[in-house]
Amino acid sequence: MAEAGLGVGGDPLFYSKGDLKLKRRVDFSNYFTMADVDTAVTQDFLDAGRGTTQMRSGWKMAPVGQVRGSSFLDAKMNYDDVVTAMEAGTVVFNSAGAHIPKLSAVSLAALDAFGYPTCLNLYLTAKGKKTSAPPHTDKQDVFVIQTQGFKHWRVYPMPNPAREPLSDPLARGKNNDVCDLDTLGEPLLDVILKPGDVLYVPAGCPHTTDTLVPESELPEGVAEQDSVHMTVGIDTYIWGLSYSFLRGLTYIRQGLEDKALGGIQGLYKGTINTLPSEIYTKLCAALPANFAHSDANAAEGCAQELQKWAAAAAISTKSEDDFSAVPKEEWEFTIRRAQEHCRDLASVFRQMYQDALVEGDRRRANPGADVPMDKLSVFRIKPYMERVEQMMDGFISYATNSPQNQASPNQNIPGPAAAAAANASVQWVSAEEQKPERGEEVRVDLGGALFEARVRTVRSDGAFDVEFFDGELEGGVAAARIKVTLAPNANPKANPNLTPNLNPYPHPKVKKSKMSAEDKAAKLKALRKKGRKRKR
């Protein structure tokens, strides 16, 4: 991995099963199969999405399963729902590593190897599909591990972001953005993954997949099968662990407006995409692996790298005055704070995965026994997700609440500094009580955590189409899952889920409340009807 690097600027790598040189031999062939999927959805209340594409549109997700009856058990997705959905598109179990105990071991191993928060998703594609995922990019560095069947991958160089500066280069080909295959040139890798093979795809590298595998590529005597693969995402960009984010945070801490690049709200779109190629690549790179546990010399090296490319961006955008206003020691201070932030996040993710492993042991010791309500994964992981969301809020607050920021005469700082001040007295109510309008900013409940989004369409059936903060779309969101800002002078109804004082970037906090089993059942039913887990 040292030769590939993490984040923007990295190179894709392919390792066949025989090429992997591991201290402890792990054979991922048949590690997780369709039989394991059957077991997982039978034991737990899981959720999944199905990838869809339309003409001149990117990859979107539709819910898997259908509403049956009115009881809690009726709302449960079953294995037949999964198999039926596979005929129409790739089925995705987002955050499967947190929900499915057997996959938590892989998530935990990746976290310990890289020292970063990790997220494992599971992808199921029927054999013989011409397109299982259209060309797109991701914000995560991903390790693809093929566990059943075969999948054809093509991975392309990251396009020059200056060609389309208003498009997010780490979210191309998703929702309404189209990533045309004809514009990508020749692939860097064109491979068929077999069980046990591993592929590394850096953030920002377009890739597309199918399951049209020539018979000549199949091992002798092996029939074509449905494809199952895991992707282990290294979530550096999601949690602010890139040089560009830390540059923006340092500016906020100093009370600087950052007119040149737009602060941490301008990380992926706009002027930053027009920087010279080397400056863009270095500034937008993720921090190195095991950054949080590096020694003093390595941390100092990261601080020098941050300062160097922040200076280069300032020269390129003729904003040297802002850069010069940052004391030299502040760059290292930011790096030290980021190390602490990363360690704290990794600790919570580690506890979450260990908790799942303990639950897996309990289920194996009691085969066939009903899973207690509080051990269902959607409820088991909720406190952990609340904690990491609060940690992200705290990471930003360290900058927005600094003495330098508070003393700054600049009252128009972009990004979370202004947003936090503007929302100091905000109250949030259900969209059932106050209907949001098209274009209004809202918060959407996904598995117990609230995510910022904007209403795209107000539907005649009372549901809403929304666009999330990372550009992904979801259609048919029930009003019960949406929180809106309480209108001025309005009197909210008594609402135990009212959540005041949310920091809106990027993961708002959720006010904790004690819920009865019946309340949890009702909430999960609503989630299964219209919702899906988000990819983190």
Protein backbone atom coordinates (compact mmCIF):
# COMPACT_ATOMS: atom_id res chain seq x y z
CA MET A 1 0.00 0.00 0.00
CA ALA A 2 2.93 2.36 0.52
CA GLU A 3 3.46 2.41 -3.23
CA ALA A 4 -0.18 3.25 -3.93
CA GLY A 5 -0.92 5.89 -1.31
CA LEU A 6 -4.32 6.83 0.05
CA GLY A 7 -6.76 9.24 -1.54
CA VAL A 8 -6.58 11.44 -4.62
CA GLY A 9 -3.44 10.73 -6.63
CA GLY A 10 -3.19 7.06 -5.71
CA ASP A 11 -2.92 4.22 -8.21
CA PRO A 12 -5.26 1.22 -8.46
CA LEU A 13 -3.77 -2.18 -7.66
CA PHE A 14 -4.89 -5.74 -8.36
CA TYR A 15 -3.86 -8.77 -6.35
CA SER A 16 -4.92 -12.23 -7.44
CA LYS A 17 -5.55 -14.77 -4.72
CA GLY A 18 -2.14 -16.34 -5.35
CA ASP A 19 -0.31 -13.00 -5.24
CA LEU A 20 -1.39 -12.07 -1.72
CA LYS A 21 1.48 -12.46 0.72
CA LEU A 22 -0.05 -12.33 4.18
CA LYS A 23 1.56 -13.05 7.54
CA ARG A 24 -1.61 -14.87 8.49
CA ARG A 25 -3.15 -16.69 5.58
CA VAL A 26 -6.76 -15.66 4.97
CA ASP A 27 -8.67 -17.27 2.12
CA PHE A 28 -11.54 -15.03 1.09
CA SER A 29 -12.88 -17.55 -1.43
CA ASN A 30 -16.45 -18.25 -0.32
CA TYR A 31 -15.86 -16.23 2.86
CA PHE A 32 -19.29 -14.63 2.38
CA THR A 33 -21.74 -16.19 -0.06
CA MET A 34 -25.41 -15.95 -0.94
CA ALA A 35 -26.02 -18.58 1.75
CA ASP A 36 -24.50 -16.17 4.28
CA VAL A 37 -26.76 -13.42 2.95
CA ASP A 38 -29.75 -15.69 3.56
CA THR A 39 -28.62 -16.28 7.15
CA ALA A 40 -27.99 -12.58 7.78
CA VAL A 41 -31.39 -11.35 6.59
CA THR A 42 -33.15 -14.18 8.42
CA GLN A 43 -31.46 -13.41 11.75
CA ASP A 44 -31.70 -9.63 11.69
CA PHE A 45 -33.71 -6.67 10.42
CA LEU A 46 -31.39 -5.53 7.64
CA ASP A 47 -31.91 -2.94 4.94
CA ALA A 48 -30.56 -2.75 1.40
CA GLY A 49 -30.69 -0.61 -1.71
CA ARG A 50 -30.78 -1.53 -5.39
CA GLY A 51 -28.68 0.39 -7.88
CA THR A 52 -30.67 1.96 -10.72
CA THR A 53 -29.74 3.98 -13.78
CA GLN A 54 -31.78 6.08 -16.18
CA MET A 55 -30.98 7.82 -19.45
CA ARG A 56 -28.58 10.76 -18.90
CA SER A 57 -28.49 10.14 -15.18
CA GLY A 58 -26.02 8.63 -12.74
CA TRP A 59 -26.28 5.73 -10.30
CA LYS A 60 -29.11 5.98 -7.77
CA MET A 61 -30.52 3.72 -5.09
CA ALA A 62 -34.02 2.30 -4.78
CA PRO A 63 -35.25 0.41 -1.69
CA VAL A 64 -35.26 -3.39 -1.66
CA GLY A 65 -38.34 -5.24 -0.45
CA GLN A 66 -42.00 -4.37 -0.32
CA VAL A 67 -44.55 -3.44 2.31
CA ARG A 68 -46.55 -6.44 3.48
CA GLY A 69 -49.24 -6.21 6.13
CA SER A 70 -49.05 -3.90 9.12
CA SER A 71 -47.08 -5.75 11.82
CA PHE A 72 -43.45 -5.36 12.79
CA LEU A 73 -42.53 -8.75 11.32
CA ASP A 74 -44.37 -7.94 8.09
CA ALA A 75 -41.95 -5.06 7.50
CA LYS A 76 -38.92 -7.35 7.59
CA MET A 77 -36.95 -7.75 4.37
CA ASN A 78 -36.51 -11.41 3.46
CA TYR A 79 -34.14 -13.36 1.24
CA ASP A 80 -36.66 -13.60 -1.61
CA ASP A 81 -36.79 -9.79 -1.68
CA VAL A 82 -33.03 -9.74 -2.16
CA VAL A 83 -33.02 -12.33 -4.96
CA THR A 84 -35.87 -10.56 -6.77
CA ALA A 85 -34.07 -7.22 -6.56
CA MET A 86 -30.87 -8.74 -7.99
CA GLU A 87 -32.67 -9.41 -11.25
CA ALA A 88 -33.23 -5.66 -11.63
CA GLY A 89 -29.84 -4.40 -10.44
CA THR A 90 -26.99 -4.69 -7.97
CA VAL A 91 -28.13 -5.01 -4.35
CA VAL A 92 -26.10 -3.01 -1.84
CA PHE A 93 -25.95 -3.55 1.92
CA ASN A 94 -24.36 -0.34 3.15
CA SER A 95 -22.39 -0.47 6.41
CA ALA A 96 -22.77 -4.25 6.40
CA GLY A 97 -19.60 -4.55 8.47
CA ALA A 98 -21.39 -2.89 11.39
CA HIS A 99 -24.61 -4.88 10.99
CA ILE A 100 -23.44 -8.41 10.11
CA PRO A 101 -21.14 -9.98 12.74
CA LYS A 102 -19.18 -12.13 10.30
CA LEU A 103 -18.19 -9.02 8.32
CA SER A 104 -17.22 -7.07 11.43
CA ALA A 105 -14.02 -9.09 11.71
CA VAL A 106 -12.91 -7.82 8.29
CA SER A 107 -13.86 -4.25 9.20
CA LEU A 108 -11.90 -4.48 12.43
CA ALA A 109 -8.82 -5.87 10.68
CA ALA A 110 -8.88 -3.02 8.14
CA LEU A 111 -9.27 -0.43 10.89
CA ASP A 112 -6.28 -1.83 12.75
CA ALA A 113 -4.20 -2.00 9.56
CA PHE A 114 -4.79 1.59 8.43
CA GLY A 115 -5.65 3.37 11.67
CA TYR A 116 -8.67 5.05 10.10
CA PRO A 117 -12.44 4.63 10.44
CA THR A 118 -13.54 1.97 7.96
CA CYS A 119 -16.88 1.01 6.44
CA LEU A 120 -17.59 -2.33 4.80
CA ASN A 121 -20.37 -2.57 2.21
CA LEU A 122 -21.67 -5.73 0.57
CA TYR A 123 -22.58 -5.95 -3.14
CA LEU A 124 -24.65 -8.69 -4.80
CA THR A 125 -25.03 -8.93 -8.59
CA ALA A 126 -26.75 -11.62 -10.62
CA LYS A 127 -24.62 -13.37 -13.20
CA GLY A 128 -24.74 -12.21 -16.82
CA LYS A 129 -25.45 -8.51 -16.17
CA LYS A 130 -24.15 -6.14 -18.86
CA THR A 131 -23.75 -3.32 -16.34
CA SER A 132 -23.73 -3.90 -12.60
CA ALA A 133 -22.45 -0.40 -11.79
CA PRO A 134 -22.14 2.43 -14.34
CA PRO A 135 -18.99 4.61 -14.39
CA HIS A 136 -18.71 6.56 -11.13
CA THR A 137 -16.25 7.74 -8.48
CA ASP A 138 -16.28 7.46 -4.69
CA LYS A 139 -15.05 9.55 -1.75
CA GLN A 140 -13.55 6.48 -0.12
CA ASP A 141 -10.45 4.50 -0.96
CA VAL A 142 -11.89 1.03 -1.38
CA PHE A 143 -10.52 -2.49 -1.21
CA VAL A 144 -12.72 -4.84 -3.20
CA ILE A 145 -12.66 -8.46 -2.00
CA GLN A 146 -14.39 -10.97 -4.25
CA THR A 147 -15.95 -13.77 -2.20
CA GLN A 148 -18.30 -15.57 -4.62
CA GLY A 149 -18.68 -15.62 -8.39
CA PHE A 150 -16.90 -13.34 -10.85
CA LYS A 151 -16.99 -9.65 -11.66
CA HIS A 152 -15.38 -7.66 -14.47
CA TRP A 153 -13.82 -4.35 -13.36
CA ARG A 154 -12.48 -1.45 -15.40
CA VAL A 155 -10.70 1.31 -13.45
CA TYR A 156 -9.76 4.59 -15.14
CA PRO A 157 -7.46 7.53 -14.33
CA MET A 158 -9.05 10.35 -12.36
CA PRO A 159 -10.28 12.96 -14.88
CA ASN A 160 -8.87 16.48 -14.65
CA PRO A 161 -11.33 18.22 -12.27
CA ALA A 162 -10.69 21.55 -14.03
CA ARG A 163 -12.69 20.30 -17.03
CA GLU A 164 -15.89 20.37 -14.96
CA PRO A 165 -15.04 22.50 -11.90
CA LEU A 166 -18.63 22.61 -10.65
CA SER A 167 -18.85 18.81 -10.46
CA ASP A 168 -17.59 16.93 -7.42
CA PRO A 169 -14.69 14.79 -8.71
CA LEU A 170 -15.26 12.32 -5.85
CA ALA A 171 -18.95 11.82 -6.67
CA ARG A 172 -19.00 11.64 -10.46
CA GLY A 173 -21.61 9.44 -12.11
CA LYS A 174 -24.01 9.55 -9.17
CA ASN A 175 -27.57 10.82 -9.12
CA ASN A 176 -27.94 13.52 -11.81
CA ASP A 177 -24.24 13.65 -12.71
CA VAL A 178 -23.21 11.62 -15.75
CA CYS A 179 -19.73 10.17 -16.09
CA ASP A 180 -19.48 9.25 -19.77
CA LEU A 181 -17.38 6.18 -20.50
CA ASP A 182 -16.26 7.69 -23.81
CA THR A 183 -14.50 10.56 -21.99
CA LEU A 184 -12.44 8.38 -19.65
CA GLY A 185 -9.84 7.08 -22.09
CA GLU A 186 -8.12 3.73 -21.65
CA PRO A 187 -8.53 1.91 -18.34
CA LEU A 188 -5.61 1.62 -15.96
CA LEU A 189 -6.88 -1.82 -14.98
CA ASP A 190 -9.19 -4.20 -16.85
CA VAL A 191 -9.56 -7.34 -14.74
CA ILE A 192 -11.97 -10.10 -13.82
CA LEU A 193 -12.08 -10.73 -10.10
CA LYS A 194 -12.36 -14.33 -8.99
CA PRO A 195 -13.09 -15.54 -5.46
CA GLY A 196 -10.19 -14.55 -3.21
CA ASP A 197 -8.92 -11.73 -5.46
CA VAL A 198 -8.47 -8.18 -4.12
CA LEU A 199 -8.65 -4.85 -5.97
CA TYR A 200 -7.69 -1.42 -4.61
CA VAL A 201 -9.46 1.61 -6.12
CA PRO A 202 -8.34 5.05 -4.87
CA ALA A 203 -10.87 7.80 -4.21
CA GLY A 204 -11.70 9.72 -7.39
CA CYS A 205 -10.82 6.95 -9.86
CA PRO A 206 -13.83 6.19 -12.12
CA HIS A 207 -14.76 2.54 -12.34
CA THR A 208 -17.48 0.40 -13.87
CA THR A 209 -18.42 -3.25 -13.46
CA ASP A 210 -20.34 -6.08 -15.09
CA THR A 211 -20.83 -9.81 -14.67
CA LEU A 212 -20.50 -10.77 -18.34
CA VAL A 213 -17.65 -13.23 -17.88
CA PRO A 214 -16.39 -15.18 -20.93
CA GLU A 215 -16.45 -18.93 -20.48
CA SER A 216 -12.71 -18.97 -21.19
CA GLU A 217 -12.13 -16.94 -18.01
CA LEU A 218 -13.92 -19.45 -15.79
CA PRO A 219 -11.79 -22.03 -13.97
CA GLU A 220 -12.14 -25.51 -15.41
CA GLY A 221 -15.24 -27.24 -14.13
CA VAL A 222 -16.60 -24.09 -12.43
CA ALA A 223 -20.01 -22.80 -13.50
CA GLU A 224 -20.91 -19.12 -13.67
CA GLN A 225 -22.33 -17.84 -10.37
CA ASP A 226 -23.95 -14.75 -8.92
CA SER A 227 -21.32 -12.28 -7.74
CA VAL A 228 -20.75 -11.33 -4.09
CA HIS A 229 -18.04 -8.90 -3.06
CA MET A 230 -17.12 -6.80 -0.05
CA THR A 231 -15.75 -3.28 -0.33
CA VAL A 232 -13.78 -1.98 2.61
CA GLY A 233 -13.84 1.82 2.46
CA ILE A 234 -11.16 3.90 4.18
CA ASP A 235 -13.14 6.96 5.24
CA THR A 236 -10.53 9.72 5.28
CA TYR A 237 -12.57 12.26 3.31
CA ILE A 238 -15.81 11.51 5.14
CA TRP A 239 -14.25 12.45 8.48
CA GLY A 240 -12.17 15.46 7.45
CA LEU A 241 -8.82 13.67 7.30
CA SER A 242 -7.41 15.31 4.17
CA TYR A 243 -4.98 18.19 3.75
CA SER A 244 -7.63 20.34 2.04
CA PHE A 245 -10.05 19.95 4.95
CA LEU A 246 -7.35 20.71 7.52
CA ARG A 247 -6.31 23.80 5.56
CA GLY A 248 -9.90 25.05 5.69
CA LEU A 249 -10.17 24.25 9.39
CA THR A 250 -6.96 26.17 10.11
CA TYR A 251 -8.32 29.21 8.30
CA ILE A 252 -11.55 29.05 10.31
CA ARG A 253 -9.60 28.80 13.55
CA GLN A 254 -7.81 32.04 12.60
CA GLY A 255 -11.08 33.80 11.76
CA LEU A 256 -10.20 34.00 8.05
CA GLU A 257 -12.91 34.03 5.41
CA ASP A 258 -10.99 32.02 2.79
CA LYS A 259 -12.52 33.76 -0.21
CA ALA A 260 -10.11 31.94 -2.52
CA LEU A 261 -11.31 28.35 -2.00
CA GLY A 262 -14.51 28.71 0.04
CA GLY A 263 -13.31 27.02 3.22
CA ILE A 264 -14.44 23.53 4.12
CA GLN A 265 -17.69 24.08 2.23
CA GLY A 266 -15.69 24.42 -1.01
CA LEU A 267 -13.70 21.20 -0.75
CA TYR A 268 -15.03 19.47 -3.85
CA LYS A 269 -16.59 22.06 -6.14
CA GLY A 270 -15.50 25.38 -7.57
CA THR A 271 -12.12 27.09 -7.47
CA ILE A 272 -10.30 24.22 -5.81
CA ASN A 273 -10.90 22.11 -8.93
CA THR A 274 -9.14 24.71 -11.10
CA LEU A 275 -5.85 24.60 -9.20
CA PRO A 276 -2.81 23.36 -11.14
CA SER A 277 -2.76 19.56 -11.22
CA GLU A 278 0.12 19.01 -8.78
CA ILE A 279 -1.25 21.49 -6.23
CA TYR A 280 -4.73 19.98 -6.47
CA THR A 281 -3.47 16.42 -6.05
CA LYS A 282 -1.21 17.19 -3.10
CA LEU A 283 -3.67 19.48 -1.33
CA CYS A 284 -6.58 17.06 -1.76
CA ALA A 285 -4.59 13.98 -0.78
CA ALA A 286 -5.64 11.98 2.25
CA LEU A 287 -3.38 11.86 5.26
CA PRO A 288 -1.02 8.85 5.30
CA ALA A 289 -1.96 5.45 6.68
CA ASN A 290 -1.64 5.16 10.47
CA PHE A 291 -1.33 8.93 10.60
CA ALA A 292 -2.98 9.06 14.04
CA HIS A 293 -0.25 6.89 15.56
CA SER A 294 2.77 8.41 13.79
CA ASP A 295 5.68 9.74 15.83
CA ALA A 296 6.61 13.39 16.34
CA ASN A 297 8.81 13.51 13.25
CA ALA A 298 6.08 12.09 11.02
CA ALA A 299 3.51 14.51 12.45
CA GLU A 300 5.88 17.40 11.84
CA GLY A 301 6.32 16.16 8.27
CA CYS A 302 2.54 16.18 7.76
CA ALA A 303 2.39 19.74 9.12
CA GLN A 304 5.10 20.83 6.70
CA GLU A 305 3.24 19.16 3.83
CA LEU A 306 0.01 20.92 4.83
CA GLN A 307 1.74 24.29 5.06
CA LYS A 308 3.62 23.78 1.79
CA TRP A 309 0.57 23.05 -0.34
CA ALA A 310 -1.61 25.61 1.42
CA ALA A 311 1.07 28.15 0.45
CA ALA A 312 1.09 26.87 -3.14
CA ALA A 313 -2.71 27.21 -3.34
CA ALA A 314 -2.49 30.75 -1.94
CA ILE A 315 0.05 31.76 -4.56
CA SER A 316 -2.02 30.18 -7.33
CA THR A 317 -5.19 32.01 -6.22
CA LYS A 318 -3.40 35.26 -5.31
CA SER A 319 -4.54 35.01 -1.70
CA GLU A 320 -1.13 35.19 -0.01
CA ASP A 321 -2.40 37.66 2.60
CA ASP A 322 -4.76 35.08 4.09
CA PHE A 323 -2.04 32.44 4.17
CA SER A 324 0.44 34.85 5.77
CA ALA A 325 -2.06 35.55 8.57
CA VAL A 326 -1.74 31.95 9.82
CA PRO A 327 1.08 31.56 12.39
CA LYS A 328 3.50 28.78 11.46
CA GLU A 329 2.81 26.80 14.63
CA GLU A 330 -0.91 26.63 13.78
CA TRP A 331 -0.31 24.11 10.99
CA GLU A 332 1.27 21.62 13.40
CA PHE A 333 -1.43 22.36 15.99
CA THR A 334 -4.07 21.39 13.41
CA ILE A 335 -2.23 18.17 12.60
CA ARG A 336 -2.03 17.25 16.29
CA ARG A 337 -5.74 17.92 16.72
CA ALA A 338 -6.49 15.81 13.64
CA GLN A 339 -4.48 12.93 15.09
CA GLU A 340 -6.53 13.08 18.27
CA HIS A 341 -9.75 13.26 16.22
CA CYS A 342 -8.74 10.21 14.17
CA ARG A 343 -7.80 8.17 17.25
CA ASP A 344 -11.11 9.00 18.92
CA LEU A 345 -13.09 8.01 15.83
CA ALA A 346 -11.16 4.77 15.37
CA SER A 347 -11.74 3.85 19.01
CA VAL A 348 -15.53 4.12 18.64
CA PHE A 349 -15.58 2.21 15.35
CA ARG A 350 -13.44 -0.48 16.98
CA GLN A 351 -15.89 -0.80 19.87
CA MET A 352 -18.80 -1.01 17.40
CA TYR A 353 -17.18 -3.85 15.45
CA GLN A 354 -16.15 -5.68 18.63
CA ASP A 355 -19.73 -5.40 19.87
CA ALA A 356 -20.92 -7.02 16.63
CA LEU A 357 -18.42 -9.87 17.07
CA VAL A 358 -19.73 -10.51 20.60
CA GLU A 359 -23.27 -10.58 19.22
CA GLY A 360 -22.14 -13.05 16.56
CA ASP A 361 -20.74 -15.34 19.27
CA ARG A 362 -24.04 -15.09 21.18
CA ARG A 363 -26.03 -16.07 18.09
CA ARG A 364 -23.79 -19.05 17.34
CA ALA A 365 -24.14 -20.22 20.93
CA ASN A 366 -27.94 -19.98 20.68
CA PRO A 367 -28.80 -21.06 17.12
CA GLY A 368 -32.43 -20.52 16.21
CA ALA A 369 -33.13 -18.26 19.20
CA ASP A 370 -34.90 -14.96 18.60
CA VAL A 371 -32.61 -11.93 18.58
CA PRO A 372 -33.55 -9.50 21.41
CA MET A 373 -34.83 -6.13 20.23
CA ASP A 374 -31.82 -4.21 21.56
CA LYS A 375 -29.45 -6.61 19.78
CA LEU A 376 -30.94 -6.00 16.35
CA SER A 377 -28.20 -4.25 14.43
CA VAL A 378 -30.14 -1.09 13.62
CA PHE A 379 -30.46 -0.39 17.35
CA ARG A 380 -27.11 -1.86 18.39
CA ILE A 381 -25.05 0.51 16.24
CA LYS A 382 -27.10 3.68 16.85
CA PRO A 383 -25.22 4.88 19.98
CA TYR A 384 -21.90 4.42 18.22
CA MET A 385 -22.99 6.43 15.19
CA GLU A 386 -24.29 9.19 17.43
CA ARG A 387 -20.91 9.36 19.16
CA VAL A 388 -18.86 9.68 15.97
CA GLU A 389 -21.23 12.32 14.62
CA GLN A 390 -20.74 14.29 17.81
CA MET A 391 -16.98 13.86 17.48
CA MET A 392 -17.11 15.38 14.01
CA ASP A 393 -19.07 18.30 15.41
CA GLY A 394 -16.42 18.69 18.10
CA PHE A 395 -13.61 18.61 15.56
CA ILE A 396 -15.16 21.55 13.73
CA SER A 397 -16.07 23.34 16.95
CA TYR A 398 -12.45 23.41 18.07
CA ALA A 399 -11.88 25.80 15.17
CA THR A 400 -15.12 27.78 15.24
CA ASN A 401 -14.86 28.34 19.00
CA SER A 402 -11.19 29.34 19.05
CA PRO A 403 -10.26 32.68 20.67
CA GLN A 404 -8.89 33.86 17.31
CA ASN A 405 -12.17 33.10 15.55
CA GLN A 406 -14.31 34.64 18.28
CA ALA A 407 -12.19 37.81 18.28
CA SER A 408 -12.23 38.14 14.49
CA PRO A 409 -14.04 41.21 13.12
CA ASN A 410 -15.08 39.08 10.16
CA GLN A 411 -18.76 38.22 10.69
CA ASN A 412 -19.17 36.40 7.39
CA ILE A 413 -16.99 33.33 7.76
CA PRO A 414 -18.28 30.62 5.41
CA GLY A 415 -18.82 27.02 6.32
CA PRO A 416 -19.74 25.73 9.77
CA ALA A 417 -18.64 28.88 11.62
CA ALA A 418 -21.45 30.89 10.08
CA ALA A 419 -23.84 27.95 10.09
CA ALA A 420 -23.29 27.22 13.77
CA ALA A 421 -23.98 30.84 14.68
CA ALA A 422 -27.05 31.00 12.45
CA ASN A 423 -28.45 27.82 13.99
CA ALA A 424 -27.69 28.58 17.62
CA SER A 425 -31.39 28.74 18.45
CA VAL A 426 -32.79 26.48 15.73
CA GLN A 427 -35.49 23.97 16.62
CA TRP A 428 -36.36 21.01 14.43
CA VAL A 429 -39.80 19.46 14.02
CA SER A 430 -41.19 16.59 11.99
CA ALA A 431 -42.26 17.24 8.41
CA GLU A 432 -45.60 15.76 9.46
CA GLU A 433 -46.10 18.89 11.58
CA GLN A 434 -44.57 21.43 9.20
CA LYS A 435 -44.38 20.58 5.50
CA PRO A 436 -41.07 21.58 3.84
CA GLU A 437 -40.97 23.29 0.47
CA ARG A 438 -38.94 22.47 -2.61
CA GLY A 439 -35.32 23.54 -2.10
CA GLU A 440 -35.59 23.71 1.70
CA GLU A 441 -32.75 22.32 3.80
CA VAL A 442 -33.85 19.47 6.07
CA ARG A 443 -32.48 16.59 8.11
CA VAL A 444 -33.32 12.98 7.20
CA ASP A 445 -33.36 10.05 9.64
CA LEU A 446 -31.35 7.12 8.30
CA GLY A 447 -31.01 4.25 10.73
CA GLY A 448 -31.28 6.50 13.77
CA ALA A 449 -28.85 9.22 12.64
CA LEU A 450 -29.81 12.54 11.03
CA PHE A 451 -28.16 13.65 7.79
CA GLU A 452 -28.43 17.03 6.13
CA ALA A 453 -30.29 17.12 2.83
CA ARG A 454 -32.30 19.39 0.55
CA VAL A 455 -35.83 18.76 -0.72
CA ARG A 456 -35.80 18.20 -4.49
CA THR A 457 -39.47 17.29 -5.02
CA VAL A 458 -42.62 17.50 -2.92
CA ARG A 459 -44.67 14.53 -4.11
CA SER A 460 -48.43 14.32 -4.35
CA ASP A 461 -48.48 11.23 -2.10
CA GLY A 462 -47.02 13.22 0.80
CA ALA A 463 -43.49 11.85 0.42
CA PHE A 464 -40.38 13.76 -0.66
CA ASP A 465 -37.41 13.30 -2.98
CA VAL A 466 -34.25 14.58 -1.27
CA GLU A 467 -30.59 15.20 -2.13
CA PHE A 468 -28.10 14.49 0.66
CA PHE A 469 -25.05 16.55 1.57
CA ASP A 470 -22.76 14.27 -0.48
CA GLY A 471 -24.90 14.57 -3.64
CA GLU A 472 -26.78 11.26 -3.39
CA LEU A 473 -30.51 11.23 -4.05
CA GLU A 474 -33.29 9.25 -2.40
CA GLY A 475 -36.86 9.21 -3.60
CA GLY A 476 -40.08 8.64 -1.70
CA VAL A 477 -38.83 9.63 1.76
CA ALA A 478 -41.69 9.56 4.27
CA ALA A 479 -42.48 12.78 6.14
CA ALA A 480 -41.96 10.96 9.44
CA ARG A 481 -38.25 10.62 8.62
CA ILE A 482 -37.70 14.32 7.87
CA LYS A 483 -36.94 17.13 10.32
CA VAL A 484 -37.49 20.75 9.28
CA THR A 485 -36.58 24.06 10.91
CA LEU A 486 -39.41 25.34 13.05
CA ALA A 487 -40.87 28.43 11.42
CA PRO A 488 -40.38 31.73 13.33
CA ASN A 489 -43.07 32.39 15.95
CA ALA A 490 -44.49 28.89 15.51
CA ASN A 491 -45.49 26.87 18.54
CA PRO A 492 -44.22 23.30 18.20
CA LYS A 493 -46.38 20.44 19.34
CA ALA A 494 -45.09 18.35 22.19
CA ASN A 495 -42.41 16.29 20.47
CA PRO A 496 -39.94 14.04 22.35
CA ASN A 497 -37.71 13.87 19.26
CA LEU A 498 -37.28 17.66 18.94
CA THR A 499 -33.58 18.22 18.33
CA PRO A 500 -32.30 21.76 18.94
CA ASN A 501 -28.92 23.33 18.24
CA LEU A 502 -27.71 21.05 15.45
CA ASN A 503 -24.37 21.78 13.87
CA PRO A 504 -25.25 21.18 10.21
CA TYR A 505 -21.88 19.96 8.90
CA PRO A 506 -21.51 17.20 7.99
CA HIS A 507 -23.34 14.92 10.44
CA PRO A 508 -25.72 16.69 12.86
CA LYS A 509 -26.06 15.41 16.38
CA VAL A 510 -29.08 13.43 17.44
CA LYS A 511 -30.69 14.11 20.77
CA LYS A 512 -30.77 10.88 22.70
CA SER A 513 -34.10 9.63 23.95
CA LYS A 514 -35.28 6.47 25.67
CA MET A 515 -37.52 4.44 23.41
CA SER A 516 -39.76 1.55 24.26
CA ALA A 517 -39.63 -1.66 22.25
CA GLU A 518 -42.93 -0.67 20.62
CA ASP A 519 -41.53 2.74 19.61
CA LYS A 520 -38.43 1.10 18.22
CA ALA A 521 -40.54 -1.38 16.27
CA ALA A 522 -42.63 1.42 14.79
CA LYS A 523 -39.55 3.41 13.85
CA LEU A 524 -37.88 0.44 12.22
CA LYS A 525 -41.05 -0.33 10.30
CA ALA A 526 -41.10 3.21 8.91
CA LEU A 527 -37.45 2.90 8.00
CA ARG A 528 -38.01 -0.39 6.18
CA LYS A 529 -40.95 1.01 4.24
CA LYS A 530 -39.21 4.03 2.78
CA GLY A 531 -35.63 4.15 3.96
CA ARG A 532 -32.25 2.66 3.48
CA LYS A 533 -28.94 2.88 5.26
CA ARG A 534 -26.52 5.52 3.98
CA LYS A 535 -23.04 4.75 2.78
CA ARG A 536 -20.63 6.45 5.22
